Amino acid sequence: MQCLFFGGIHPQPTWFPLHNPTVLDFLDKYMIKPENINSSFDAKTMKTSKTVLIIDDSRLSRMIIKALILEKYPDWIVLEAANAEQTITMIDSIAEPDLITLDVNMPGMDGLSLATKIRNSWVSAPIVVITANVQESISRKCAELKVGFVEKPINADSIDKALAFME
């Protein structure tokens, strides 16, 4: 008879026959099966989810972007920064995110100047500007910096456009 051993701190080991329905239910529920593997698993980096950094001085904009991303990808990690100062502090304390969304018009350092600073530390992270400032000079500067450009308003379509820069 095949048996399964459950160890732990209990002084007496516990053995269960494998034909026990309770054990089979447990194994069926908790064993890793191909259909239960998270589709966002990245074998190269061994990451099980993506990380997005939202940089926008508008708390409402950050909340909407975060909600729309998590609605589509609930297992992703979404970090927020309200300005360049917070972002620069985060650069030294977190791993490179999989995507950075950035507003252009912020107090202090503007988004495009911040994008240049971010690029010096996080070389490969895609950066996408999500802005209501749709002047041609802004979109041209984004192209020069190799930064994505998405127009506000923030909605499911604009977030899908921003997420497409990760590919």
C-alpha atoms as a PDB file:
ATOM      1  CA  MET A   1       0.000   0.000   0.000  1.00  0.00           C
ATOM      2  CA  GLN A   2       1.359   3.454  -0.939  1.00  0.00           C
ATOM      3  CA  CYS A   3       1.221   6.078   1.814  1.00  0.00           C
ATOM      4  CA  LEU A   4       1.803   9.789   2.077  1.00  0.00           C
ATOM      5  CA  PHE A   5       3.666  11.277   5.027  1.00  0.00           C
ATOM      6  CA  PHE A   6       2.819  14.686   6.424  1.00  0.00           C
ATOM      7  CA  GLY A   7       5.664  15.934   8.618  1.00  0.00           C
ATOM      8  CA  GLY A   8       5.759  18.969  10.809  1.00  0.00           C
ATOM      9  CA  ILE A   9       6.142  19.876  14.414  1.00  0.00           C
ATOM     10  CA  HIS A  10       3.694  17.260  15.563  1.00  0.00           C
ATOM     11  CA  PRO A  11       5.711  14.707  17.609  1.00  0.00           C
ATOM     12  CA  GLN A  12       4.095  11.763  15.866  1.00  0.00           C
ATOM     13  CA  PRO A  13       4.336  11.559  12.083  1.00  0.00           C
ATOM     14  CA  THR A  14       1.028  11.042  10.367  1.00  0.00           C
ATOM     15  CA  TRP A  15       0.589   8.550   7.537  1.00  0.00           C
ATOM     16  CA  PHE A  16      -2.397   8.528   5.239  1.00  0.00           C
ATOM     17  CA  PRO A  17      -3.188   5.832   2.709  1.00  0.00           C
ATOM     18  CA  LEU A  18      -3.213   7.392  -0.781  1.00  0.00           C
ATOM     19  CA  HIS A  19      -6.590   5.915  -1.563  1.00  0.00           C
ATOM     20  CA  ASN A  20      -8.148   7.980   1.264  1.00  0.00           C
ATOM     21  CA  PRO A  21     -10.670  10.375  -0.390  1.00  0.00           C
ATOM     22  CA  THR A  22      -9.720  13.259   1.915  1.00  0.00           C
ATOM     23  CA  VAL A  23      -6.067  12.956   0.933  1.00  0.00           C
ATOM     24  CA  LEU A  24      -6.962  12.693  -2.741  1.00  0.00           C
ATOM     25  CA  ASP A  25      -9.148  15.812  -2.486  1.00  0.00           C
ATOM     26  CA  PHE A  26      -6.279  17.660  -0.784  1.00  0.00           C
ATOM     27  CA  LEU A  27      -3.785  16.606  -3.445  1.00  0.00           C
ATOM     28  CA  ASP A  28      -6.187  17.487  -6.236  1.00  0.00           C
ATOM     29  CA  LYS A  29      -6.773  20.933  -4.755  1.00  0.00           C
ATOM     30  CA  TYR A  30      -3.197  21.877  -3.878  1.00  0.00           C
ATOM     31  CA  MET A  31      -0.967  20.025  -6.323  1.00  0.00           C
ATOM     32  CA  ILE A  32       0.512  22.165  -9.080  1.00  0.00           C
ATOM     33  CA  LYS A  33      -1.087  21.292 -12.381  1.00  0.00           C
ATOM     34  CA  PRO A  34      -0.497  22.947 -15.759  1.00  0.00           C
ATOM     35  CA  GLU A  35      -3.985  24.440 -15.808  1.00  0.00           C
ATOM     36  CA  ASN A  36      -3.363  26.093 -12.404  1.00  0.00           C
ATOM     37  CA  ILE A  37      -0.075  27.743 -13.313  1.00  0.00           C
ATOM     38  CA  ASN A  38      -0.355  31.508 -13.450  1.00  0.00           C
ATOM     39  CA  SER A  39      -0.313  32.637 -17.075  1.00  0.00           C
ATOM     40  CA  SER A  40       1.897  35.610 -16.200  1.00  0.00           C
ATOM     41  CA  PHE A  41       4.738  33.369 -14.961  1.00  0.00           C
ATOM     42  CA  ASP A  42       8.060  34.380 -16.509  1.00  0.00           C
ATOM     43  CA  ALA A  43      10.534  31.493 -16.542  1.00  0.00           C
ATOM     44  CA  LYS A  44      13.515  33.736 -17.318  1.00  0.00           C
ATOM     45  CA  THR A  45      13.168  35.889 -14.233  1.00  0.00           C
ATOM     46  CA  MET A  46      11.195  33.413 -12.108  1.00  0.00           C
ATOM     47  CA  LYS A  47       8.661  36.159 -11.440  1.00  0.00           C
ATOM     48  CA  THR A  48       5.081  35.086 -10.937  1.00  0.00           C
ATOM     49  CA  SER A  49       3.539  38.488 -11.536  1.00  0.00           C
ATOM     50  CA  LYS A  50       4.317  41.826 -13.103  1.00  0.00           C
ATOM     51  CA  THR A  51       5.109  45.049 -11.284  1.00  0.00           C
ATOM     52  CA  VAL A  52       3.837  48.413 -12.491  1.00  0.00           C
ATOM     53  CA  LEU A  53       4.956  51.773 -11.100  1.00  0.00           C
ATOM     54  CA  ILE A  54       2.434  54.601 -11.522  1.00  0.00           C
ATOM     55  CA  ILE A  55       3.875  58.115 -11.239  1.00  0.00           C
ATOM     56  CA  ASP A  56       1.285  60.888 -11.244  1.00  0.00           C
ATOM     57  CA  ASP A  57       0.692  63.855  -8.961  1.00  0.00           C
ATOM     58  CA  SER A  58      -3.063  63.269  -9.214  1.00  0.00           C
ATOM     59  CA  ARG A  59      -4.174  60.771  -6.587  1.00  0.00           C
ATOM     60  CA  LEU A  60      -7.377  60.183  -8.556  1.00  0.00           C
ATOM     61  CA  SER A  61      -5.418  59.345 -11.730  1.00  0.00           C
ATOM     62  CA  ARG A  62      -3.226  56.897  -9.792  1.00  0.00           C
ATOM     63  CA  MET A  63      -6.305  55.269  -8.263  1.00  0.00           C
ATOM     64  CA  ILE A  64      -8.034  54.857 -11.643  1.00  0.00           C
ATOM     65  CA  ILE A  65      -4.913  53.484 -13.370  1.00  0.00           C
ATOM     66  CA  LYS A  66      -4.331  51.061 -10.496  1.00  0.00           C
ATOM     67  CA  ALA A  67      -7.960  49.903 -10.446  1.00  0.00           C
ATOM     68  CA  LEU A  68      -8.028  49.303 -14.209  1.00  0.00           C
ATOM     69  CA  ILE A  69      -4.766  47.328 -14.134  1.00  0.00           C
ATOM     70  CA  LEU A  70      -5.788  45.219 -11.132  1.00  0.00           C
ATOM     71  CA  GLU A  71      -9.217  44.573 -12.646  1.00  0.00           C
ATOM     72  CA  LYS A  72      -7.491  42.938 -15.596  1.00  0.00           C
ATOM     73  CA  TYR A  73      -4.480  41.476 -13.733  1.00  0.00           C
ATOM     74  CA  PRO A  74      -5.361  41.019 -10.034  1.00  0.00           C
ATOM     75  CA  ASP A  75      -2.069  39.244  -9.223  1.00  0.00           C
ATOM     76  CA  TRP A  76       0.112  42.144 -10.408  1.00  0.00           C
ATOM     77  CA  ILE A  77       1.911  44.450  -7.999  1.00  0.00           C
ATOM     78  CA  VAL A  78       1.071  48.122  -8.525  1.00  0.00           C
ATOM     79  CA  LEU A  79       3.259  50.741  -6.850  1.00  0.00           C
ATOM     80  CA  GLU A  80       2.584  54.455  -6.747  1.00  0.00           C
ATOM     81  CA  ALA A  81       4.604  57.658  -6.543  1.00  0.00           C
ATOM     82  CA  ALA A  82       3.138  61.167  -6.476  1.00  0.00           C
ATOM     83  CA  ASN A  83       6.191  63.024  -7.756  1.00  0.00           C
ATOM     84  CA  ALA A  84       9.792  62.801  -8.931  1.00  0.00           C
ATOM     85  CA  GLU A  85      11.202  62.935  -5.398  1.00  0.00           C
ATOM     86  CA  GLN A  86       9.235  59.861  -4.299  1.00  0.00           C
ATOM     87  CA  THR A  87      10.187  58.068  -7.511  1.00  0.00           C
ATOM     88  CA  ILE A  88      13.911  58.751  -7.118  1.00  0.00           C
ATOM     89  CA  THR A  89      13.728  57.402  -3.550  1.00  0.00           C
ATOM     90  CA  MET A  90      11.977  54.262  -4.821  1.00  0.00           C
ATOM     91  CA  ILE A  91      14.590  53.632  -7.519  1.00  0.00           C
ATOM     92  CA  ASP A  92      17.130  52.653  -4.874  1.00  0.00           C
ATOM     93  CA  SER A  93      14.757  50.474  -2.871  1.00  0.00           C
ATOM     94  CA  ILE A  94      12.772  48.394  -5.372  1.00  0.00           C
ATOM     95  CA  ALA A  95      13.570  46.065  -8.260  1.00  0.00           C
ATOM     96  CA  GLU A  96      13.112  47.348 -11.790  1.00  0.00           C
ATOM     97  CA  PRO A  97       9.386  47.337 -12.586  1.00  0.00           C
ATOM     98  CA  ASP A  98       7.936  45.713 -15.688  1.00  0.00           C
ATOM     99  CA  LEU A  99       6.200  48.954 -16.682  1.00  0.00           C
ATOM    100  CA  ILE A 100       6.283  52.582 -15.587  1.00  0.00           C
ATOM    101  CA  THR A 101       3.403  54.958 -16.293  1.00  0.00           C
ATOM    102  CA  LEU A 102       4.184  58.617 -15.961  1.00  0.00           C
ATOM    103  CA  ASP A 103       2.372  61.929 -16.130  1.00  0.00           C
ATOM    104  CA  VAL A 104       4.077  64.861 -17.875  1.00  0.00           C
ATOM    105  CA  ASN A 105       2.805  67.834 -15.886  1.00  0.00           C
ATOM    106  CA  MET A 106       3.824  67.416 -12.257  1.00  0.00           C
ATOM    107  CA  PRO A 107       5.082  69.907  -9.675  1.00  0.00           C
ATOM    108  CA  GLY A 108       8.848  70.029  -9.356  1.00  0.00           C
ATOM    109  CA  MET A 109      10.538  67.891 -11.986  1.00  0.00           C
ATOM    110  CA  ASP A 110       8.343  67.280 -15.034  1.00  0.00           C
ATOM    111  CA  GLY A 111       7.623  63.763 -16.257  1.00  0.00           C
ATOM    112  CA  LEU A 112       9.940  63.838 -19.272  1.00  0.00           C
ATOM    113  CA  SER A 113      12.930  64.964 -17.183  1.00  0.00           C
ATOM    114  CA  LEU A 114      12.053  62.233 -14.697  1.00  0.00           C
ATOM    115  CA  ALA A 115      11.890  59.688 -17.535  1.00  0.00           C
ATOM    116  CA  THR A 116      15.509  60.535 -18.386  1.00  0.00           C
ATOM    117  CA  LYS A 117      16.575  60.003 -14.747  1.00  0.00           C
ATOM    118  CA  ILE A 118      14.640  56.734 -14.546  1.00  0.00           C
ATOM    119  CA  ARG A 119      16.326  55.486 -17.722  1.00  0.00           C
ATOM    120  CA  ASN A 120      19.744  55.918 -16.060  1.00  0.00           C
ATOM    121  CA  SER A 121      18.817  53.426 -13.317  1.00  0.00           C
ATOM    122  CA  TRP A 122      16.252  51.166 -14.944  1.00  0.00           C
ATOM    123  CA  VAL A 123      17.497  50.641 -18.458  1.00  0.00           C
ATOM    124  CA  SER A 124      14.998  48.102 -19.748  1.00  0.00           C
ATOM    125  CA  ALA A 125      11.733  49.086 -18.034  1.00  0.00           C
ATOM    126  CA  PRO A 126       9.225  50.379 -20.576  1.00  0.00           C
ATOM    127  CA  ILE A 127       8.062  53.888 -19.716  1.00  0.00           C
ATOM    128  CA  VAL A 128       4.713  55.170 -20.945  1.00  0.00           C
ATOM    129  CA  VAL A 129       3.539  58.745 -20.571  1.00  0.00           C
ATOM    130  CA  ILE A 130      -0.201  58.942 -19.917  1.00  0.00           C
ATOM    131  CA  THR A 131      -1.074  62.603 -20.259  1.00  0.00           C
ATOM    132  CA  ALA A 132      -3.704  65.151 -21.184  1.00  0.00           C
ATOM    133  CA  ASN A 133      -0.900  67.296 -22.632  1.00  0.00           C
ATOM    134  CA  VAL A 134      -1.188  66.169 -26.258  1.00  0.00           C
ATOM    135  CA  GLN A 135       0.978  68.822 -27.875  1.00  0.00           C
ATOM    136  CA  GLU A 136       3.061  67.601 -30.775  1.00  0.00           C
ATOM    137  CA  SER A 137       6.243  68.736 -28.983  1.00  0.00           C
ATOM    138  CA  ILE A 138       5.447  66.361 -26.078  1.00  0.00           C
ATOM    139  CA  SER A 139       4.790  63.351 -28.327  1.00  0.00           C
ATOM    140  CA  ARG A 140       7.978  64.163 -30.297  1.00  0.00           C
ATOM    141  CA  LYS A 141      10.033  64.365 -27.074  1.00  0.00           C
ATOM    142  CA  CYS A 142       8.548  61.019 -25.957  1.00  0.00           C
ATOM    143  CA  ALA A 143       9.646  59.467 -29.252  1.00  0.00           C
ATOM    144  CA  GLU A 144      13.164  60.868 -28.814  1.00  0.00           C
ATOM    145  CA  LEU A 145      13.367  59.385 -25.308  1.00  0.00           C
ATOM    146  CA  LYS A 146      11.899  56.056 -26.510  1.00  0.00           C
ATOM    147  CA  VAL A 147       8.987  56.569 -24.137  1.00  0.00           C
ATOM    148  CA  GLY A 148       5.467  55.488 -25.021  1.00  0.00           C
ATOM    149  CA  PHE A 149       2.765  58.135 -25.381  1.00  0.00           C
ATOM    150  CA  VAL A 150      -0.897  57.579 -24.451  1.00  0.00           C
ATOM    151  CA  GLU A 151      -3.535  60.305 -24.287  1.00  0.00           C
ATOM    152  CA  LYS A 152      -5.854  60.776 -21.330  1.00  0.00           C
ATOM    153  CA  PRO A 153      -8.657  60.307 -20.389  1.00  0.00           C
ATOM    154  CA  ILE A 154      -7.746  57.264 -18.362  1.00  0.00           C
ATOM    155  CA  ASN A 155     -10.022  54.402 -19.308  1.00  0.00           C
ATOM    156  CA  ALA A 156      -9.747  50.713 -20.205  1.00  0.00           C
ATOM    157  CA  ASP A 157      -8.612  51.529 -23.766  1.00  0.00           C
ATOM    158  CA  SER A 158      -5.833  53.895 -22.687  1.00  0.00           C
ATOM    159  CA  ILE A 159      -4.605  51.379 -20.103  1.00  0.00           C
ATOM    160  CA  ASP A 160      -4.602  48.622 -22.738  1.00  0.00           C
ATOM    161  CA  LYS A 161      -2.483  50.898 -24.957  1.00  0.00           C
ATOM    162  CA  ALA A 162      -0.071  51.529 -22.079  1.00  0.00           C
ATOM    163  CA  LEU A 163       0.179  47.819 -21.213  1.00  0.00           C
ATOM    164  CA  ALA A 164       0.947  47.024 -24.854  1.00  0.00           C
ATOM    165  CA  PHE A 165       4.340  48.734 -24.424  1.00  0.00           C
ATOM    166  CA  MET A 166       5.427  45.819 -22.220  1.00  0.00           C
ATOM    167  CA  GLU A 167       5.462  43.493 -25.221  1.00  0.00           C
END
